[in-house]
C-alpha atoms as a PDB file:
ATOM      1  CA  UNK A   1     -23.685  49.852 -55.440  1.00  0.00           C
ATOM      2  CA  UNK A   2     -25.439  47.843 -53.083  1.00  0.00           C
ATOM      3  CA  UNK A   3     -28.818  46.110 -54.472  1.00  0.00           C
ATOM      4  CA  UNK A   4     -31.706  46.922 -52.308  1.00  0.00           C
ATOM      5  CA  UNK A   5     -33.427  44.195 -50.243  1.00  0.00           C
ATOM      6  CA  UNK A   6     -36.486  42.955 -51.946  1.00  0.00           C
ATOM      7  CA  UNK A   7     -40.001  42.954 -50.246  1.00  0.00           C
ATOM      8  CA  UNK A   8     -42.755  40.847 -52.058  1.00  0.00           C
ATOM      9  CA  UNK A   9     -46.308  42.435 -51.609  1.00  0.00           C
ATOM     10  CA  UNK A  10     -49.120  40.241 -51.531  1.00  0.00           C
ATOM     11  CA  UNK A  11     -52.444  41.750 -52.801  1.00  0.00           C
ATOM     12  CA  UNK A  12     -50.576  44.572 -54.504  1.00  0.00           C
ATOM     13  CA  UNK A  13     -53.501  45.668 -56.787  1.00  0.00           C
ATOM     14  CA  UNK A  14     -55.940  45.615 -53.698  1.00  0.00           C
ATOM     15  CA  UNK A  15     -56.581  48.618 -51.410  1.00  0.00           C
ATOM     16  CA  UNK A  16     -54.500  47.158 -48.517  1.00  0.00           C
ATOM     17  CA  UNK A  17     -51.697  45.719 -50.465  1.00  0.00           C
ATOM     18  CA  UNK A  18     -51.784  48.458 -52.662  1.00  0.00           C
ATOM     19  CA  UNK A  19     -51.181  51.144 -50.256  1.00  0.00           C
ATOM     20  CA  UNK A  20     -48.141  48.944 -48.844  1.00  0.00           C
ATOM     21  CA  UNK A  21     -46.639  48.567 -52.130  1.00  0.00           C
ATOM     22  CA  UNK A  22     -46.945  52.586 -53.001  1.00  0.00           C
ATOM     23  CA  UNK A  23     -45.494  53.699 -49.498  1.00  0.00           C
ATOM     24  CA  UNK A  24     -42.500  51.197 -50.038  1.00  0.00           C
ATOM     25  CA  UNK A  25     -41.589  52.751 -53.325  1.00  0.00           C
ATOM     26  CA  UNK A  26     -42.214  56.337 -52.114  1.00  0.00           C
ATOM     27  CA  UNK A  27     -39.725  55.538 -49.213  1.00  0.00           C
ATOM     28  CA  UNK A  28     -37.173  54.291 -51.608  1.00  0.00           C
ATOM     29  CA  UNK A  29     -35.095  51.852 -49.356  1.00  0.00           C
ATOM     30  CA  UNK A  30     -36.438  48.390 -50.508  1.00  0.00           C
ATOM     31  CA  UNK A  31     -37.244  47.188 -54.006  1.00  0.00           C
ATOM     32  CA  UNK A  32     -40.883  46.242 -54.326  1.00  0.00           C
ATOM     33  CA  UNK A  33     -42.068  42.654 -56.037  1.00  0.00           C
ATOM     34  CA  UNK A  34     -45.332  43.462 -56.448  1.00  0.00           C
ATOM     35  CA  UNK A  35     -47.595  40.040 -56.699  1.00  0.00           C
ATOM     36  CA  UNK A  36     -50.525  40.007 -58.881  1.00  0.00           C
ATOM     37  CA  UNK A  37     -52.739  37.085 -60.563  1.00  0.00           C
ATOM     38  CA  UNK A  38     -52.277  39.244 -63.766  1.00  0.00           C
ATOM     39  CA  UNK A  39     -49.098  41.209 -63.765  1.00  0.00           C
ATOM     40  CA  UNK A  40     -50.593  42.858 -67.081  1.00  0.00           C
ATOM     41  CA  UNK A  41     -53.504  44.143 -65.234  1.00  0.00           C
ATOM     42  CA  UNK A  42     -53.783  48.030 -65.058  1.00  0.00           C
ATOM     43  CA  UNK A  43     -53.016  48.165 -61.149  1.00  0.00           C
ATOM     44  CA  UNK A  44     -50.251  45.836 -61.758  1.00  0.00           C
ATOM     45  CA  UNK A  45     -48.622  48.125 -64.504  1.00  0.00           C
ATOM     46  CA  UNK A  46     -49.356  51.404 -62.417  1.00  0.00           C
ATOM     47  CA  UNK A  47     -47.429  49.817 -59.676  1.00  0.00           C
ATOM     48  CA  UNK A  48     -44.564  48.849 -62.474  1.00  0.00           C
ATOM     49  CA  UNK A  49     -44.525  52.310 -63.957  1.00  0.00           C
ATOM     50  CA  UNK A  50     -43.764  53.688 -60.404  1.00  0.00           C
ATOM     51  CA  UNK A  51     -40.540  51.132 -60.074  1.00  0.00           C
ATOM     52  CA  UNK A  52     -41.947  47.761 -58.855  1.00  0.00           C
ATOM     53  CA  UNK A  53     -41.293  44.549 -60.424  1.00  0.00           C
ATOM     54  CA  UNK A  54     -44.689  43.031 -61.242  1.00  0.00           C
ATOM     55  CA  UNK A  55     -44.829  39.398 -61.044  1.00  0.00           C
ATOM     56  CA  UNK A  56     -47.537  36.765 -61.632  1.00  0.00           C
ATOM     57  CA  UNK A  57     -48.563  34.590 -58.354  1.00  0.00           C
ATOM     58  CA  UNK A  58     -51.482  32.668 -57.534  1.00  0.00           C
ATOM     59  CA  UNK A  59     -52.651  32.257 -53.782  1.00  0.00           C
ATOM     60  CA  UNK A  60     -53.702  28.831 -54.915  1.00  0.00           C
ATOM     61  CA  UNK A  61     -50.505  27.933 -56.473  1.00  0.00           C
ATOM     62  CA  UNK A  62     -47.603  27.359 -54.085  1.00  0.00           C
ATOM     63  CA  UNK A  63     -45.128  27.015 -56.760  1.00  0.00           C
ATOM     64  CA  UNK A  64     -45.746  30.302 -58.057  1.00  0.00           C
ATOM     65  CA  UNK A  65     -45.618  31.947 -54.817  1.00  0.00           C
ATOM     66  CA  UNK A  66     -42.407  30.037 -53.984  1.00  0.00           C
ATOM     67  CA  UNK A  67     -41.152  31.725 -57.260  1.00  0.00           C
ATOM     68  CA  UNK A  68     -42.418  35.200 -56.468  1.00  0.00           C
ATOM     69  CA  UNK A  69     -40.885  35.152 -52.833  1.00  0.00           C
ATOM     70  CA  UNK A  70     -37.540  33.733 -54.022  1.00  0.00           C
ATOM     71  CA  UNK A  71     -34.535  35.992 -53.311  1.00  0.00           C
ATOM     72  CA  UNK A  72     -36.871  38.505 -51.273  1.00  0.00           C
ATOM     73  CA  UNK A  73     -35.805  39.746 -47.952  1.00  0.00           C
ATOM     74  CA  UNK A  74     -39.456  40.595 -47.100  1.00  0.00           C
ATOM     75  CA  UNK A  75     -42.979  39.942 -47.783  1.00  0.00           C
ATOM     76  CA  UNK A  76     -46.169  41.667 -46.720  1.00  0.00           C
ATOM     77  CA  UNK A  77     -48.876  38.900 -46.634  1.00  0.00           C
ATOM     78  CA  UNK A  78     -52.909  39.325 -46.940  1.00  0.00           C
ATOM     79  CA  UNK A  79     -55.703  37.390 -47.907  1.00  0.00           C
ATOM     80  CA  UNK A  80     -58.641  38.797 -49.593  1.00  0.00           C
ATOM     81  CA  UNK A  81     -61.289  36.831 -47.515  1.00  0.00           C
ATOM     82  CA  UNK A  82     -64.280  39.052 -49.063  1.00  0.00           C
ATOM     83  CA  UNK A  83     -63.613  37.770 -52.643  1.00  0.00           C
ATOM     84  CA  UNK A  84     -64.898  34.480 -51.403  1.00  0.00           C
ATOM     85  CA  UNK A  85     -66.132  34.979 -47.853  1.00  0.00           C
ATOM     86  CA  UNK A  86     -65.132  31.389 -46.842  1.00  0.00           C
ATOM     87  CA  UNK A  87     -62.940  30.159 -43.968  1.00  0.00           C
ATOM     88  CA  UNK A  88     -61.824  27.283 -45.484  1.00  0.00           C
ATOM     89  CA  UNK A  89     -60.593  29.100 -48.643  1.00  0.00           C
ATOM     90  CA  UNK A  90     -58.777  31.523 -46.402  1.00  0.00           C
ATOM     91  CA  UNK A  91     -57.195  29.095 -44.305  1.00  0.00           C
ATOM     92  CA  UNK A  92     -55.888  27.312 -47.743  1.00  0.00           C
ATOM     93  CA  UNK A  93     -54.541  30.507 -48.824  1.00  0.00           C
ATOM     94  CA  UNK A  94     -52.445  31.041 -45.486  1.00  0.00           C
ATOM     95  CA  UNK A  95     -51.098  27.659 -45.639  1.00  0.00           C
ATOM     96  CA  UNK A  96     -49.857  28.222 -49.199  1.00  0.00           C
ATOM     97  CA  UNK A  97     -48.322  31.565 -48.243  1.00  0.00           C
ATOM     98  CA  UNK A  98     -46.832  29.982 -45.238  1.00  0.00           C
ATOM     99  CA  UNK A  99     -45.068  26.943 -47.073  1.00  0.00           C
ATOM    100  CA  UNK A 100     -43.941  29.418 -49.778  1.00  0.00           C
ATOM    101  CA  UNK A 101     -42.651  32.213 -47.810  1.00  0.00           C
ATOM    102  CA  UNK A 102     -39.978  29.838 -45.944  1.00  0.00           C
ATOM    103  CA  UNK A 103     -36.785  31.541 -46.128  1.00  0.00           C
ATOM    104  CA  UNK A 104     -38.055  35.043 -46.074  1.00  0.00           C
ATOM    105  CA  UNK A 105     -36.096  36.963 -43.391  1.00  0.00           C
ATOM    106  CA  UNK A 106     -39.115  39.373 -42.449  1.00  0.00           C
ATOM    107  CA  UNK A 107     -42.779  38.604 -42.833  1.00  0.00           C
ATOM    108  CA  UNK A 108     -45.455  41.107 -42.128  1.00  0.00           C
ATOM    109  CA  UNK A 109     -48.724  39.256 -41.691  1.00  0.00           C
ATOM    110  CA  UNK A 110     -52.016  41.357 -41.678  1.00  0.00           C
ATOM    111  CA  UNK A 111     -54.266  39.884 -39.305  1.00  0.00           C
ATOM    112  CA  UNK A 112     -56.814  40.285 -36.787  1.00  0.00           C
ATOM    113  CA  UNK A 113     -57.603  38.910 -33.337  1.00  0.00           C
ATOM    114  CA  UNK A 114     -60.116  36.123 -32.484  1.00  0.00           C
ATOM    115  CA  UNK A 115     -63.428  37.698 -31.512  1.00  0.00           C
ATOM    116  CA  UNK A 116     -64.443  34.175 -29.490  1.00  0.00           C
ATOM    117  CA  UNK A 117     -61.942  35.188 -27.300  1.00  0.00           C
ATOM    118  CA  UNK A 118     -64.672  37.762 -25.699  1.00  0.00           C
ATOM    119  CA  UNK A 119     -67.839  36.621 -27.559  1.00  0.00           C
ATOM    120  CA  UNK A 120     -68.078  32.771 -27.057  1.00  0.00           C
ATOM    121  CA  UNK A 121     -70.261  30.857 -29.593  1.00  0.00           C
ATOM    122  CA  UNK A 122     -73.099  30.596 -27.235  1.00  0.00           C
ATOM    123  CA  UNK A 123     -73.633  34.247 -26.811  1.00  0.00           C
ATOM    124  CA  UNK A 124     -76.915  34.777 -28.432  1.00  0.00           C
ATOM    125  CA  UNK A 125     -76.198  38.614 -28.572  1.00  0.00           C
ATOM    126  CA  UNK A 126     -74.929  38.045 -32.487  1.00  0.00           C
ATOM    127  CA  UNK A 127     -75.360  34.832 -34.366  1.00  0.00           C
ATOM    128  CA  UNK A 128     -72.985  32.628 -35.228  1.00  0.00           C
ATOM    129  CA  UNK A 129     -71.863  31.973 -38.620  1.00  0.00           C
ATOM    130  CA  UNK A 130     -71.034  28.241 -40.033  1.00  0.00           C
ATOM    131  CA  UNK A 131     -71.478  27.027 -36.739  1.00  0.00           C
ATOM    132  CA  UNK A 132     -67.917  27.948 -35.506  1.00  0.00           C
ATOM    133  CA  UNK A 133     -67.429  31.877 -35.730  1.00  0.00           C
ATOM    134  CA  UNK A 134     -69.041  34.946 -34.700  1.00  0.00           C
ATOM    135  CA  UNK A 135     -66.849  37.416 -37.138  1.00  0.00           C
ATOM    136  CA  UNK A 136     -65.331  34.874 -39.733  1.00  0.00           C
ATOM    137  CA  UNK A 137     -62.667  37.088 -41.296  1.00  0.00           C
ATOM    138  CA  UNK A 138     -61.191  37.982 -37.788  1.00  0.00           C
ATOM    139  CA  UNK A 139     -61.608  34.707 -36.139  1.00  0.00           C
ATOM    140  CA  UNK A 140     -59.899  32.618 -38.892  1.00  0.00           C
ATOM    141  CA  UNK A 141     -56.886  34.874 -38.707  1.00  0.00           C
ATOM    142  CA  UNK A 142     -56.735  35.284 -34.824  1.00  0.00           C
ATOM    143  CA  UNK A 143     -57.819  31.725 -34.129  1.00  0.00           C
ATOM    144  CA  UNK A 144     -56.383  29.474 -36.662  1.00  0.00           C
ATOM    145  CA  UNK A 145     -54.088  31.299 -39.004  1.00  0.00           C
ATOM    146  CA  UNK A 146     -51.928  33.151 -36.919  1.00  0.00           C
ATOM    147  CA  UNK A 147     -50.565  30.054 -35.107  1.00  0.00           C
ATOM    148  CA  UNK A 148     -49.413  28.366 -38.479  1.00  0.00           C
ATOM    149  CA  UNK A 149     -46.772  31.269 -38.587  1.00  0.00           C
ATOM    150  CA  UNK A 150     -45.437  30.323 -35.425  1.00  0.00           C
ATOM    151  CA  UNK A 151     -45.512  26.683 -36.098  1.00  0.00           C
ATOM    152  CA  UNK A 152     -43.552  27.078 -39.423  1.00  0.00           C
ATOM    153  CA  UNK A 153     -40.809  29.068 -37.698  1.00  0.00           C
ATOM    154  CA  UNK A 154     -41.397  32.049 -39.810  1.00  0.00           C
ATOM    155  CA  UNK A 155     -39.870  35.233 -38.673  1.00  0.00           C
ATOM    156  CA  UNK A 156     -43.350  37.153 -38.320  1.00  0.00           C
ATOM    157  CA  UNK A 157     -44.550  40.550 -37.568  1.00  0.00           C
ATOM    158  CA  UNK A 158     -48.366  40.273 -36.682  1.00  0.00           C
ATOM    159  CA  UNK A 159     -50.010  43.440 -37.750  1.00  0.00           C
ATOM    160  CA  UNK A 160     -53.482  43.733 -36.329  1.00  0.00           C
ATOM    161  CA  UNK A 161     -55.599  46.040 -38.529  1.00  0.00           C
ATOM    162  CA  UNK A 162     -58.229  48.553 -37.740  1.00  0.00           C
ATOM    163  CA  UNK A 163     -61.482  49.707 -39.881  1.00  0.00           C
ATOM    164  CA  UNK A 164     -60.103  51.564 -43.080  1.00  0.00           C
ATOM    165  CA  UNK A 165     -61.213  54.998 -43.042  1.00  0.00           C
ATOM    166  CA  UNK A 166     -61.340  54.107 -46.897  1.00  0.00           C
ATOM    167  CA  UNK A 167     -64.675  52.474 -46.475  1.00  0.00           C
ATOM    168  CA  UNK A 168     -66.208  55.556 -45.664  1.00  0.00           C
ATOM    169  CA  UNK A 169     -65.618  56.746 -49.164  1.00  0.00           C
ATOM    170  CA  UNK A 170     -68.231  54.445 -50.681  1.00  0.00           C
ATOM    171  CA  UNK A 171     -70.537  52.098 -49.311  1.00  0.00           C
ATOM    172  CA  UNK A 172     -70.671  53.447 -45.541  1.00  0.00           C
ATOM    173  CA  UNK A 173     -70.542  57.061 -46.575  1.00  0.00           C
ATOM    174  CA  UNK A 174     -73.567  59.411 -45.501  1.00  0.00           C
ATOM    175  CA  UNK A 175     -76.636  58.854 -47.478  1.00  0.00           C
ATOM    176  CA  UNK A 176     -79.043  61.661 -48.699  1.00  0.00           C
ATOM    177  CA  UNK A 177     -82.292  61.315 -46.425  1.00  0.00           C
ATOM    178  CA  UNK A 178     -85.977  61.872 -47.861  1.00  0.00           C
ATOM    179  CA  UNK A 179     -85.699  65.331 -46.251  1.00  0.00           C
ATOM    180  CA  UNK A 180     -82.556  65.966 -48.150  1.00  0.00           C
ATOM    181  CA  UNK A 181     -80.341  65.925 -45.172  1.00  0.00           C
ATOM    182  CA  UNK A 182     -77.037  64.060 -44.830  1.00  0.00           C
ATOM    183  CA  UNK A 183     -76.954  61.058 -42.812  1.00  0.00           C
ATOM    184  CA  UNK A 184     -74.318  58.543 -41.419  1.00  0.00           C
ATOM    185  CA  UNK A 185     -75.622  55.322 -40.185  1.00  0.00           C
ATOM    186  CA  UNK A 186     -73.116  53.319 -38.736  1.00  0.00           C
ATOM    187  CA  UNK A 187     -73.986  50.393 -36.214  1.00  0.00           C
ATOM    188  CA  UNK A 188     -71.592  51.569 -33.546  1.00  0.00           C
ATOM    189  CA  UNK A 189     -73.859  53.200 -31.117  1.00  0.00           C
ATOM    190  CA  UNK A 190     -72.064  55.668 -28.891  1.00  0.00           C
ATOM    191  CA  UNK A 191     -68.869  53.706 -28.951  1.00  0.00           C
ATOM    192  CA  UNK A 192     -65.775  54.431 -30.277  1.00  0.00           C
ATOM    193  CA  UNK A 193     -64.177  53.009 -33.545  1.00  0.00           C
ATOM    194  CA  UNK A 194     -60.424  52.476 -33.997  1.00  0.00           C
ATOM    195  CA  UNK A 195     -59.685  53.719 -37.691  1.00  0.00           C
ATOM    196  CA  UNK A 196     -56.750  54.296 -39.974  1.00  0.00           C
ATOM    197  CA  UNK A 197     -56.134  55.398 -43.649  1.00  0.00           C
ATOM    198  CA  UNK A 198     -54.971  52.631 -46.047  1.00  0.00           C
ATOM    199  CA  UNK A 199     -51.852  54.933 -46.727  1.00  0.00           C
ATOM    200  CA  UNK A 200     -51.152  54.900 -43.327  1.00  0.00           C
ATOM    201  CA  UNK A 201     -50.767  51.347 -42.869  1.00  0.00           C
ATOM    202  CA  UNK A 202     -48.614  51.137 -45.739  1.00  0.00           C
ATOM    203  CA  UNK A 203     -46.145  53.929 -43.913  1.00  0.00           C
ATOM    204  CA  UNK A 204     -46.354  51.628 -40.632  1.00  0.00           C
ATOM    205  CA  UNK A 205     -45.366  48.518 -42.754  1.00  0.00           C
ATOM    206  CA  UNK A 206     -42.360  50.911 -43.946  1.00  0.00           C
ATOM    207  CA  UNK A 207     -41.385  51.376 -40.372  1.00  0.00           C
ATOM    208  CA  UNK A 208     -42.024  47.750 -39.451  1.00  0.00           C
ATOM    209  CA  UNK A 209     -39.766  46.196 -42.243  1.00  0.00           C
ATOM    210  CA  UNK A 210     -36.880  48.677 -40.935  1.00  0.00           C
ATOM    211  CA  UNK A 211     -36.946  47.295 -37.615  1.00  0.00           C
ATOM    212  CA  UNK A 212     -36.009  43.442 -37.338  1.00  0.00           C
ATOM    213  CA  UNK A 213     -36.914  44.032 -33.464  1.00  0.00           C
ATOM    214  CA  UNK A 214     -40.580  43.883 -34.504  1.00  0.00           C
ATOM    215  CA  UNK A 215     -40.179  40.009 -35.759  1.00  0.00           C
ATOM    216  CA  UNK A 216     -42.347  38.078 -33.194  1.00  0.00           C
ATOM    217  CA  UNK A 217     -44.507  41.273 -31.910  1.00  0.00           C
ATOM    218  CA  UNK A 218     -48.069  41.695 -32.432  1.00  0.00           C
ATOM    219  CA  UNK A 219     -48.671  45.351 -33.328  1.00  0.00           C
ATOM    220  CA  UNK A 220     -52.188  46.830 -33.381  1.00  0.00           C
ATOM    221  CA  UNK A 221     -52.823  49.854 -35.736  1.00  0.00           C
ATOM    222  CA  UNK A 222     -55.170  52.711 -35.033  1.00  0.00           C
ATOM    223  CA  UNK A 223     -54.691  56.689 -35.355  1.00  0.00           C
ATOM    224  CA  UNK A 224     -57.880  57.609 -33.758  1.00  0.00           C
ATOM    225  CA  UNK A 225     -60.515  56.308 -31.810  1.00  0.00           C
ATOM    226  CA  UNK A 226     -63.604  58.029 -32.893  1.00  0.00           C
ATOM    227  CA  UNK A 227     -67.478  58.131 -32.095  1.00  0.00           C
ATOM    228  CA  UNK A 228     -70.004  58.217 -34.813  1.00  0.00           C
ATOM    229  CA  UNK A 229     -70.566  61.830 -34.109  1.00  0.00           C
ATOM    230  CA  UNK A 230     -66.937  62.936 -34.202  1.00  0.00           C
ATOM    231  CA  UNK A 231     -66.999  60.920 -37.738  1.00  0.00           C
ATOM    232  CA  UNK A 232     -70.140  62.819 -38.788  1.00  0.00           C
ATOM    233  CA  UNK A 233     -68.468  66.100 -37.694  1.00  0.00           C
ATOM    234  CA  UNK A 234     -65.270  65.403 -40.028  1.00  0.00           C
ATOM    235  CA  UNK A 235     -67.678  64.784 -42.788  1.00  0.00           C
ATOM    236  CA  UNK A 236     -69.590  67.954 -42.244  1.00  0.00           C
ATOM    237  CA  UNK A 237     -66.241  70.213 -42.066  1.00  0.00           C
ATOM    238  CA  UNK A 238     -65.213  68.478 -45.360  1.00  0.00           C
ATOM    239  CA  UNK A 239     -68.315  68.510 -47.370  1.00  0.00           C
ATOM    240  CA  UNK A 240     -69.469  72.025 -46.127  1.00  0.00           C
ATOM    241  CA  UNK A 241     -72.732  70.517 -45.137  1.00  0.00           C
ATOM    242  CA  UNK A 242     -74.115  69.207 -41.715  1.00  0.00           C
ATOM    243  CA  UNK A 243     -73.970  65.318 -41.638  1.00  0.00           C
ATOM    244  CA  UNK A 244     -76.186  63.805 -38.845  1.00  0.00           C
ATOM    245  CA  UNK A 245     -75.251  60.652 -37.108  1.00  0.00           C
ATOM    246  CA  UNK A 246     -77.796  58.351 -36.751  1.00  0.00           C
ATOM    247  CA  UNK A 247     -76.867  55.028 -35.573  1.00  0.00           C
ATOM    248  CA  UNK A 248     -78.611  51.768 -37.153  1.00  0.00           C
ATOM    249  CA  UNK A 249     -79.018  49.028 -34.749  1.00  0.00           C
ATOM    250  CA  UNK A 250     -77.113  45.646 -35.544  1.00  0.00           C
ATOM    251  CA  UNK A 251     -80.143  43.581 -36.272  1.00  0.00           C
ATOM    252  CA  UNK A 252     -81.263  46.072 -38.805  1.00  0.00           C
ATOM    253  CA  UNK A 253     -77.846  45.827 -40.167  1.00  0.00           C
ATOM    254  CA  UNK A 254     -77.827  42.432 -40.548  1.00  0.00           C
ATOM    255  CA  UNK A 255     -81.447  42.292 -42.164  1.00  0.00           C
ATOM    256  CA  UNK A 256     -80.205  44.955 -45.163  1.00  0.00           C
ATOM    257  CA  UNK A 257     -79.735  41.847 -46.927  1.00  0.00           C
ATOM    258  CA  UNK A 258     -76.522  42.381 -48.865  1.00  0.00           C
ATOM    259  CA  UNK A 259     -73.874  39.691 -49.209  1.00  0.00           C
ATOM    260  CA  UNK A 260     -71.594  40.566 -46.185  1.00  0.00           C
ATOM    261  CA  UNK A 261     -74.392  41.999 -44.315  1.00  0.00           C
ATOM    262  CA  UNK A 262     -74.520  39.456 -41.415  1.00  0.00           C
ATOM    263  CA  UNK A 263     -70.610  39.201 -40.986  1.00  0.00           C
ATOM    264  CA  UNK A 264     -70.335  43.035 -40.826  1.00  0.00           C
ATOM    265  CA  UNK A 265     -73.146  43.630 -38.917  1.00  0.00           C
ATOM    266  CA  UNK A 266     -71.705  41.171 -36.170  1.00  0.00           C
ATOM    267  CA  UNK A 267     -68.267  43.229 -36.751  1.00  0.00           C
ATOM    268  CA  UNK A 268     -69.696  46.154 -36.005  1.00  0.00           C
ATOM    269  CA  UNK A 269     -71.527  44.873 -32.599  1.00  0.00           C
ATOM    270  CA  UNK A 270     -67.928  43.485 -31.575  1.00  0.00           C
ATOM    271  CA  UNK A 271     -66.865  46.828 -32.134  1.00  0.00           C
ATOM    272  CA  UNK A 272     -69.617  48.391 -30.294  1.00  0.00           C
ATOM    273  CA  UNK A 273     -70.109  46.342 -27.101  1.00  0.00           C
ATOM    274  CA  UNK A 274     -66.662  45.083 -26.454  1.00  0.00           C
ATOM    275  CA  UNK A 275     -65.010  48.997 -27.317  1.00  0.00           C
ATOM    276  CA  UNK A 276     -62.708  48.434 -24.679  1.00  0.00           C
ATOM    277  CA  UNK A 277     -61.234  45.329 -25.338  1.00  0.00           C
ATOM    278  CA  UNK A 278     -61.021  46.199 -29.037  1.00  0.00           C
ATOM    279  CA  UNK A 279     -59.346  49.671 -28.665  1.00  0.00           C
ATOM    280  CA  UNK A 280     -56.974  48.454 -26.092  1.00  0.00           C
ATOM    281  CA  UNK A 281     -55.600  45.948 -28.713  1.00  0.00           C
ATOM    282  CA  UNK A 282     -54.750  49.043 -31.185  1.00  0.00           C
ATOM    283  CA  UNK A 283     -53.346  51.835 -29.176  1.00  0.00           C
ATOM    284  CA  UNK A 284     -52.995  55.349 -30.926  1.00  0.00           C
ATOM    285  CA  UNK A 285     -49.534  56.028 -29.327  1.00  0.00           C
ATOM    286  CA  UNK A 286     -47.863  53.231 -30.869  1.00  0.00           C
ATOM    287  CA  UNK A 287     -49.171  53.653 -34.685  1.00  0.00           C
ATOM    288  CA  UNK A 288     -48.581  57.507 -34.429  1.00  0.00           C
ATOM    289  CA  UNK A 289     -44.881  56.691 -33.353  1.00  0.00           C
ATOM    290  CA  UNK A 290     -44.759  54.370 -36.514  1.00  0.00           C
ATOM    291  CA  UNK A 291     -46.101  56.597 -38.493  1.00  0.00           C
ATOM    292  CA  UNK A 292     -45.403  60.192 -37.601  1.00  0.00           C
ATOM    293  CA  UNK A 293     -47.305  62.198 -40.500  1.00  0.00           C
ATOM    294  CA  UNK A 294     -50.178  60.015 -39.561  1.00  0.00           C
ATOM    295  CA  UNK A 295     -53.834  61.458 -41.350  1.00  0.00           C
ATOM    296  CA  UNK A 296     -56.863  62.547 -39.115  1.00  0.00           C
ATOM    297  CA  UNK A 297     -60.021  61.286 -40.440  1.00  0.00           C
ATOM    298  CA  UNK A 298     -60.830  64.840 -41.533  1.00  0.00           C
ATOM    299  CA  UNK A 299     -57.355  65.206 -43.555  1.00  0.00           C
ATOM    300  CA  UNK A 300     -57.888  61.818 -44.819  1.00  0.00           C
ATOM    301  CA  UNK A 301     -61.341  62.810 -46.443  1.00  0.00           C
ATOM    302  CA  UNK A 302     -60.091  66.264 -47.472  1.00  0.00           C
ATOM    303  CA  UNK A 303     -57.388  64.521 -49.624  1.00  0.00           C
ATOM    304  CA  UNK A 304     -60.185  62.177 -51.024  1.00  0.00           C
ATOM    305  CA  UNK A 305     -63.000  64.237 -51.320  1.00  0.00           C
ATOM    306  CA  UNK A 306     -63.539  63.506 -54.978  1.00  0.00           C
ATOM    307  CA  UNK A 307     -63.612  59.587 -54.235  1.00  0.00           C
ATOM    308  CA  UNK A 308     -66.405  60.429 -51.651  1.00  0.00           C
ATOM    309  CA  UNK A 309     -69.760  58.564 -53.076  1.00  0.00           C
ATOM    310  CA  UNK A 310     -72.832  59.973 -51.376  1.00  0.00           C
ATOM    311  CA  UNK A 311     -75.663  57.461 -50.739  1.00  0.00           C
END
């Protein structure tokens, strides 16, 4: 019996990496090696119960990563920017991953574009962060990390992601106003937002790993491009109660004071004011071809109705 090719999944206990690991396990063509700092954690044990091999690996320990990638055909690489919000740390993580993945035959790198290509640092519509970035978790990947893969000669598919619909289940879910109505407040104005469910990211990765011709390509994911009103309508139909879309200005969002407020406020302003550029990088037709059974936002919300936490 031929042994299955191994795919090593970084961030396997997180939302994105976990979705990739579960999709690969459900598909069954590849063996899954789930990388985790603690392979005995609840998340790692759940993947092991589904058939994954859970192994210890640390993004700041190159030797642990080399051992985890040893013998793997493919690898899914993602960095946890929002655990530290440090461009320097993210670059260190990527350099370690690139060094450790030497010998892997198909790398899928979770990336984003460099927003500075359309929003130069002297553009005062949004603040500059750390003197070098407009949206650091985009700019570091697209501007500084992506070239490292090519320079190392790694056979890489660059997977450009969209807004996760999963974010709408919690912190960005509708909130109950003082008058009792439900209000969705996204800083998107009247522009369209490219989105995708995490489980559909996983399904797309399965298709990419099956196709060696995707090596060297950049593939933008987005199953739907929706206005705030359309997002609110999907919530209304699933919750059985009207949800009103009331966009929040970008400056007001940045002033909310939580740790990621400025970064996320800049991200949404980029999405909103450069939507033609953003949406063109994430064509829905290509994503739907990769994921034939893709989820509409309404279907996603219905499937995760019990997880919606209204503010």
